[in-house]
Amino acid sequence: MAFAAGAMIFVVVDEIIPETHGKEYARLVTFGVIIGFVIMMFLDNFIEPILSNLIGPVT
């Protein structure tokens, strides 16, 4: 399942948004996407349960 998720992220970043990998910014864009994904996972897995306990279920 993790392999499929990684493949999907690669397809989105590399194929659907091709102008991000132009010229010398390819490595910077790749690291930016990875960092953004890690931040998103952190917020989803750690912040959302805390907010649920404080203000009730988030739908």
PDB file of N, CA and C in Angstrom:
ATOM      1  N   MET A   1       0.821  -1.184   0.000  1.00  0.00           N
ATOM      2  CA  MET A   1       0.000   0.000   0.000  1.00  0.00           C
ATOM      3  C   MET A   1       0.877   1.264   0.000  1.00  0.00           C
ATOM      4  N   ALA A   2       1.967   1.235   0.768  1.00  0.00           N
ATOM      5  CA  ALA A   2       2.849   2.395   0.815  1.00  0.00           C
ATOM      6  C   ALA A   2       3.512   2.631  -0.534  1.00  0.00           C
ATOM      7  N   PHE A   3       3.847   1.539  -1.227  1.00  0.00           N
ATOM      8  CA  PHE A   3       4.451   1.683  -2.554  1.00  0.00           C
ATOM      9  C   PHE A   3       3.483   2.350  -3.512  1.00  0.00           C
ATOM     10  N   ALA A   4       2.226   1.971  -3.469  1.00  0.00           N
ATOM     11  CA  ALA A   4       1.221   2.578  -4.341  1.00  0.00           C
ATOM     12  C   ALA A   4       1.042   4.058  -4.019  1.00  0.00           C
ATOM     13  N   ALA A   5       1.080   4.405  -2.752  1.00  0.00           N
ATOM     14  CA  ALA A   5       0.955   5.811  -2.362  1.00  0.00           C
ATOM     15  C   ALA A   5       2.148   6.617  -2.859  1.00  0.00           C
ATOM     16  N   GLY A   6       3.342   6.068  -2.721  1.00  0.00           N
ATOM     17  CA  GLY A   6       4.533   6.747  -3.208  1.00  0.00           C
ATOM     18  C   GLY A   6       4.524   6.914  -4.717  1.00  0.00           C
ATOM     19  N   ALA A   7       4.063   5.881  -5.412  1.00  0.00           N
ATOM     20  CA  ALA A   7       3.973   5.959  -6.870  1.00  0.00           C
ATOM     21  C   ALA A   7       2.970   7.023  -7.293  1.00  0.00           C
ATOM     22  N   MET A   8       1.873   7.131  -6.584  1.00  0.00           N
ATOM     23  CA  MET A   8       0.865   8.128  -6.920  1.00  0.00           C
ATOM     24  C   MET A   8       1.385   9.542  -6.679  1.00  0.00           C
ATOM     25  N   ILE A   9       2.104   9.744  -5.601  1.00  0.00           N
ATOM     26  CA  ILE A   9       2.687  11.061  -5.340  1.00  0.00           C
ATOM     27  C   ILE A   9       3.689  11.413  -6.439  1.00  0.00           C
ATOM     28  N   PHE A  10       4.500  10.437  -6.848  1.00  0.00           N
ATOM     29  CA  PHE A  10       5.457  10.681  -7.924  1.00  0.00           C
ATOM     30  C   PHE A  10       4.750  11.080  -9.211  1.00  0.00           C
ATOM     31  N   VAL A  11       3.693  10.364  -9.567  1.00  0.00           N
ATOM     32  CA  VAL A  11       2.962  10.667 -10.798  1.00  0.00           C
ATOM     33  C   VAL A  11       2.378  12.070 -10.741  1.00  0.00           C
ATOM     34  N   VAL A  12       1.804  12.442  -9.623  1.00  0.00           N
ATOM     35  CA  VAL A  12       1.210  13.773  -9.497  1.00  0.00           C
ATOM     36  C   VAL A  12       2.269  14.856  -9.633  1.00  0.00           C
ATOM     37  N   VAL A  13       3.379  14.697  -8.915  1.00  0.00           N
ATOM     38  CA  VAL A  13       4.400  15.739  -8.919  1.00  0.00           C
ATOM     39  C   VAL A  13       5.143  15.797 -10.247  1.00  0.00           C
ATOM     40  N   ASP A  14       5.475  14.647 -10.803  1.00  0.00           N
ATOM     41  CA  ASP A  14       6.327  14.622 -11.985  1.00  0.00           C
ATOM     42  C   ASP A  14       5.559  14.757 -13.291  1.00  0.00           C
ATOM     43  N   GLU A  15       4.404  14.145 -13.396  1.00  0.00           N
ATOM     44  CA  GLU A  15       3.687  14.118 -14.668  1.00  0.00           C
ATOM     45  C   GLU A  15       2.595  15.182 -14.774  1.00  0.00           C
ATOM     46  N   ILE A  16       1.843  15.377 -13.718  1.00  0.00           N
ATOM     47  CA  ILE A  16       0.725  16.303 -13.782  1.00  0.00           C
ATOM     48  C   ILE A  16       1.193  17.741 -13.613  1.00  0.00           C
ATOM     49  N   ILE A  17       2.262  17.947 -12.854  1.00  0.00           N
ATOM     50  CA  ILE A  17       2.800  19.293 -12.661  1.00  0.00           C
ATOM     51  C   ILE A  17       4.223  19.325 -13.231  1.00  0.00           C
ATOM     52  N   PRO A  18       4.391  19.171 -14.542  1.00  0.00           N
ATOM     53  CA  PRO A  18       5.743  19.032 -15.111  1.00  0.00           C
ATOM     54  C   PRO A  18       6.589  20.294 -15.019  1.00  0.00           C
ATOM     55  N   GLU A  19       5.969  21.462 -14.979  1.00  0.00           N
ATOM     56  CA  GLU A  19       6.770  22.679 -14.935  1.00  0.00           C
ATOM     57  C   GLU A  19       7.532  22.835 -13.621  1.00  0.00           C
ATOM     58  N   THR A  20       7.172  22.059 -12.591  1.00  0.00           N
ATOM     59  CA  THR A  20       7.906  22.131 -11.337  1.00  0.00           C
ATOM     60  C   THR A  20       9.293  21.512 -11.455  1.00  0.00           C
ATOM     61  N   HIS A  21       9.491  20.615 -12.399  1.00  0.00           N
ATOM     62  CA  HIS A  21      10.778  19.947 -12.544  1.00  0.00           C
ATOM     63  C   HIS A  21      11.616  20.543 -13.667  1.00  0.00           C
ATOM     64  N   GLY A  22      11.370  21.772 -14.008  1.00  0.00           N
ATOM     65  CA  GLY A  22      12.145  22.421 -15.049  1.00  0.00           C
ATOM     66  C   GLY A  22      13.434  23.011 -14.513  1.00  0.00           C
ATOM     67  N   LYS A  23      14.449  22.992 -15.330  1.00  0.00           N
ATOM     68  CA  LYS A  23      15.740  23.632 -15.069  1.00  0.00           C
ATOM     69  C   LYS A  23      16.403  23.110 -13.806  1.00  0.00           C
ATOM     70  N   GLU A  24      16.873  24.000 -12.939  1.00  0.00           N
ATOM     71  CA  GLU A  24      17.681  23.578 -11.799  1.00  0.00           C
ATOM     72  C   GLU A  24      16.883  23.403 -10.516  1.00  0.00           C
ATOM     73  N   TYR A  25      15.568  23.476 -10.559  1.00  0.00           N
ATOM     74  CA  TYR A  25      14.761  23.432  -9.339  1.00  0.00           C
ATOM     75  C   TYR A  25      14.188  22.050  -9.031  1.00  0.00           C
ATOM     76  N   ALA A  26      14.561  21.033  -9.754  1.00  0.00           N
ATOM     77  CA  ALA A  26      13.966  19.707  -9.580  1.00  0.00           C
ATOM     78  C   ALA A  26      14.196  19.162  -8.175  1.00  0.00           C
ATOM     79  N   ARG A  27      15.406  19.251  -7.660  1.00  0.00           N
ATOM     80  CA  ARG A  27      15.703  18.714  -6.331  1.00  0.00           C
ATOM     81  C   ARG A  27      14.985  19.513  -5.249  1.00  0.00           C
ATOM     82  N   LEU A  28      14.944  20.824  -5.394  1.00  0.00           N
ATOM     83  CA  LEU A  28      14.253  21.671  -4.427  1.00  0.00           C
ATOM     84  C   LEU A  28      12.759  21.347  -4.384  1.00  0.00           C
ATOM     85  N   VAL A  29      12.155  21.152  -5.547  1.00  0.00           N
ATOM     86  CA  VAL A  29      10.730  20.809  -5.614  1.00  0.00           C
ATOM     87  C   VAL A  29      10.474  19.453  -4.972  1.00  0.00           C
ATOM     88  N   THR A  30      11.347  18.488  -5.228  1.00  0.00           N
ATOM     89  CA  THR A  30      11.176  17.158  -4.645  1.00  0.00           C
ATOM     90  C   THR A  30      11.226  17.226  -3.124  1.00  0.00           C
ATOM     91  N   PHE A  31      12.196  17.936  -2.578  1.00  0.00           N
ATOM     92  CA  PHE A  31      12.283  18.068  -1.126  1.00  0.00           C
ATOM     93  C   PHE A  31      11.092  18.851  -0.579  1.00  0.00           C
ATOM     94  N   GLY A  32      10.624  19.842  -1.298  1.00  0.00           N
ATOM     95  CA  GLY A  32       9.462  20.607  -0.866  1.00  0.00           C
ATOM     96  C   GLY A  32       8.212  19.752  -0.773  1.00  0.00           C
ATOM     97  N   VAL A  33       8.022  18.886  -1.753  1.00  0.00           N
ATOM     98  CA  VAL A  33       6.859  17.987  -1.739  1.00  0.00           C
ATOM     99  C   VAL A  33       6.968  17.001  -0.582  1.00  0.00           C
ATOM    100  N   ILE A  34       8.157  16.462  -0.356  1.00  0.00           N
ATOM    101  CA  ILE A  34       8.341  15.520   0.748  1.00  0.00           C
ATOM    102  C   ILE A  34       8.074  16.198   2.090  1.00  0.00           C
ATOM    103  N   ILE A  35       8.621  17.392   2.287  1.00  0.00           N
ATOM    104  CA  ILE A  35       8.412  18.121   3.539  1.00  0.00           C
ATOM    105  C   ILE A  35       6.937  18.479   3.719  1.00  0.00           C
ATOM    106  N   GLY A  36       6.283  18.905   2.651  1.00  0.00           N
ATOM    107  CA  GLY A  36       4.857  19.210   2.724  1.00  0.00           C
ATOM    108  C   GLY A  36       4.022  17.999   3.080  1.00  0.00           C
ATOM    109  N   PHE A  37       4.381  16.847   2.531  1.00  0.00           N
ATOM    110  CA  PHE A  37       3.659  15.611   2.823  1.00  0.00           C
ATOM    111  C   PHE A  37       3.853  15.213   4.289  1.00  0.00           C
ATOM    112  N   VAL A  38       5.070  15.355   4.802  1.00  0.00           N
ATOM    113  CA  VAL A  38       5.334  15.021   6.202  1.00  0.00           C
ATOM    114  C   VAL A  38       4.550  15.945   7.129  1.00  0.00           C
ATOM    115  N   ILE A  39       4.514  17.229   6.810  1.00  0.00           N
ATOM    116  CA  ILE A  39       3.740  18.174   7.620  1.00  0.00           C
ATOM    117  C   ILE A  39       2.256  17.824   7.589  1.00  0.00           C
ATOM    118  N   MET A  40       1.750  17.472   6.419  1.00  0.00           N
ATOM    119  CA  MET A  40       0.343  17.099   6.303  1.00  0.00           C
ATOM    120  C   MET A  40       0.031  15.864   7.146  1.00  0.00           C
ATOM    121  N   MET A  41       0.912  14.861   7.110  1.00  0.00           N
ATOM    122  CA  MET A  41       0.692  13.649   7.906  1.00  0.00           C
ATOM    123  C   MET A  41       0.754  13.955   9.400  1.00  0.00           C
ATOM    124  N   PHE A  42       1.686  14.824   9.801  1.00  0.00           N
ATOM    125  CA  PHE A  42       1.778  15.218  11.207  1.00  0.00           C
ATOM    126  C   PHE A  42       0.483  15.881  11.659  1.00  0.00           C
ATOM    127  N   LEU A  43       0.013  16.836  10.886  1.00  0.00           N
ATOM    128  CA  LEU A  43      -1.208  17.546  11.267  1.00  0.00           C
ATOM    129  C   LEU A  43      -2.411  16.612  11.310  1.00  0.00           C
ATOM    130  N   ASP A  44      -2.481  15.706  10.368  1.00  0.00           N
ATOM    131  CA  ASP A  44      -3.623  14.796  10.296  1.00  0.00           C
ATOM    132  C   ASP A  44      -3.615  13.793  11.444  1.00  0.00           C
ATOM    133  N   ASN A  45      -2.448  13.295  11.813  1.00  0.00           N
ATOM    134  CA  ASN A  45      -2.376  12.236  12.814  1.00  0.00           C
ATOM    135  C   ASN A  45      -2.225  12.715  14.249  1.00  0.00           C
ATOM    136  N   PHE A  46      -1.736  13.919  14.458  1.00  0.00           N
ATOM    137  CA  PHE A  46      -1.486  14.363  15.819  1.00  0.00           C
ATOM    138  C   PHE A  46      -2.335  15.549  16.255  1.00  0.00           C
ATOM    139  N   ILE A  47      -2.597  16.463  15.369  1.00  0.00           N
ATOM    140  CA  ILE A  47      -3.354  17.652  15.739  1.00  0.00           C
ATOM    141  C   ILE A  47      -4.857  17.384  15.724  1.00  0.00           C
ATOM    142  N   GLU A  48      -5.337  16.658  14.745  1.00  0.00           N
ATOM    143  CA  GLU A  48      -6.776  16.412  14.618  1.00  0.00           C
ATOM    144  C   GLU A  48      -7.358  15.672  15.825  1.00  0.00           C
ATOM    145  N   PRO A  49      -6.704  14.624  16.353  1.00  0.00           N
ATOM    146  CA  PRO A  49      -7.258  13.991  17.568  1.00  0.00           C
ATOM    147  C   PRO A  49      -7.295  14.930  18.771  1.00  0.00           C
ATOM    148  N   ILE A  50      -6.311  15.804  18.884  1.00  0.00           N
ATOM    149  CA  ILE A  50      -6.306  16.761  20.003  1.00  0.00           C
ATOM    150  C   ILE A  50      -7.497  17.704  19.868  1.00  0.00           C
ATOM    151  N   LEU A  51      -7.730  18.195  18.655  1.00  0.00           N
ATOM    152  CA  LEU A  51      -8.867  19.083  18.433  1.00  0.00           C
ATOM    153  C   LEU A  51     -10.184  18.363  18.654  1.00  0.00           C
ATOM    154  N   SER A  52     -10.261  17.089  18.299  1.00  0.00           N
ATOM    155  CA  SER A  52     -11.486  16.309  18.515  1.00  0.00           C
ATOM    156  C   SER A  52     -11.824  16.229  19.987  1.00  0.00           C
ATOM    157  N   ASN A  53     -10.808  16.069  20.814  1.00  0.00           N
ATOM    158  CA  ASN A  53     -11.049  15.970  22.255  1.00  0.00           C
ATOM    159  C   ASN A  53     -11.463  17.312  22.841  1.00  0.00           C
ATOM    160  N   LEU A  54     -10.977  18.407  22.255  1.00  0.00           N
ATOM    161  CA  LEU A  54     -11.302  19.725  22.793  1.00  0.00           C
ATOM    162  C   LEU A  54     -12.668  20.235  22.347  1.00  0.00           C
ATOM    163  N   ILE A  55     -12.963  20.110  21.058  1.00  0.00           N
ATOM    164  CA  ILE A  55     -14.187  20.721  20.523  1.00  0.00           C
ATOM    165  C   ILE A  55     -15.204  19.717  20.010  1.00  0.00           C
ATOM    166  N   GLY A  56     -14.913  18.439  20.115  1.00  0.00           N
ATOM    167  CA  GLY A  56     -15.832  17.420  19.634  1.00  0.00           C
ATOM    168  C   GLY A  56     -15.392  16.870  18.296  1.00  0.00           C
ATOM    169  N   PRO A  57     -16.109  15.885  17.809  1.00  0.00           N
ATOM    170  CA  PRO A  57     -15.731  15.236  16.552  1.00  0.00           C
ATOM    171  C   PRO A  57     -15.726  16.208  15.382  1.00  0.00           C
ATOM    172  N   VAL A  58     -14.717  16.090  14.543  1.00  0.00           N
ATOM    173  CA  VAL A  58     -14.609  16.909  13.344  1.00  0.00           C
ATOM    174  C   VAL A  58     -15.100  16.086  12.173  1.00  0.00           C
ATOM    175  N   THR A  59     -16.104  16.593  11.472  1.00  0.00           N
ATOM    176  CA  THR A  59     -16.641  15.832  10.336  1.00  0.00           C
ATOM    177  C   THR A  59     -16.309  16.489   9.034  1.00  0.00           C
TER     178      THR A  59
END
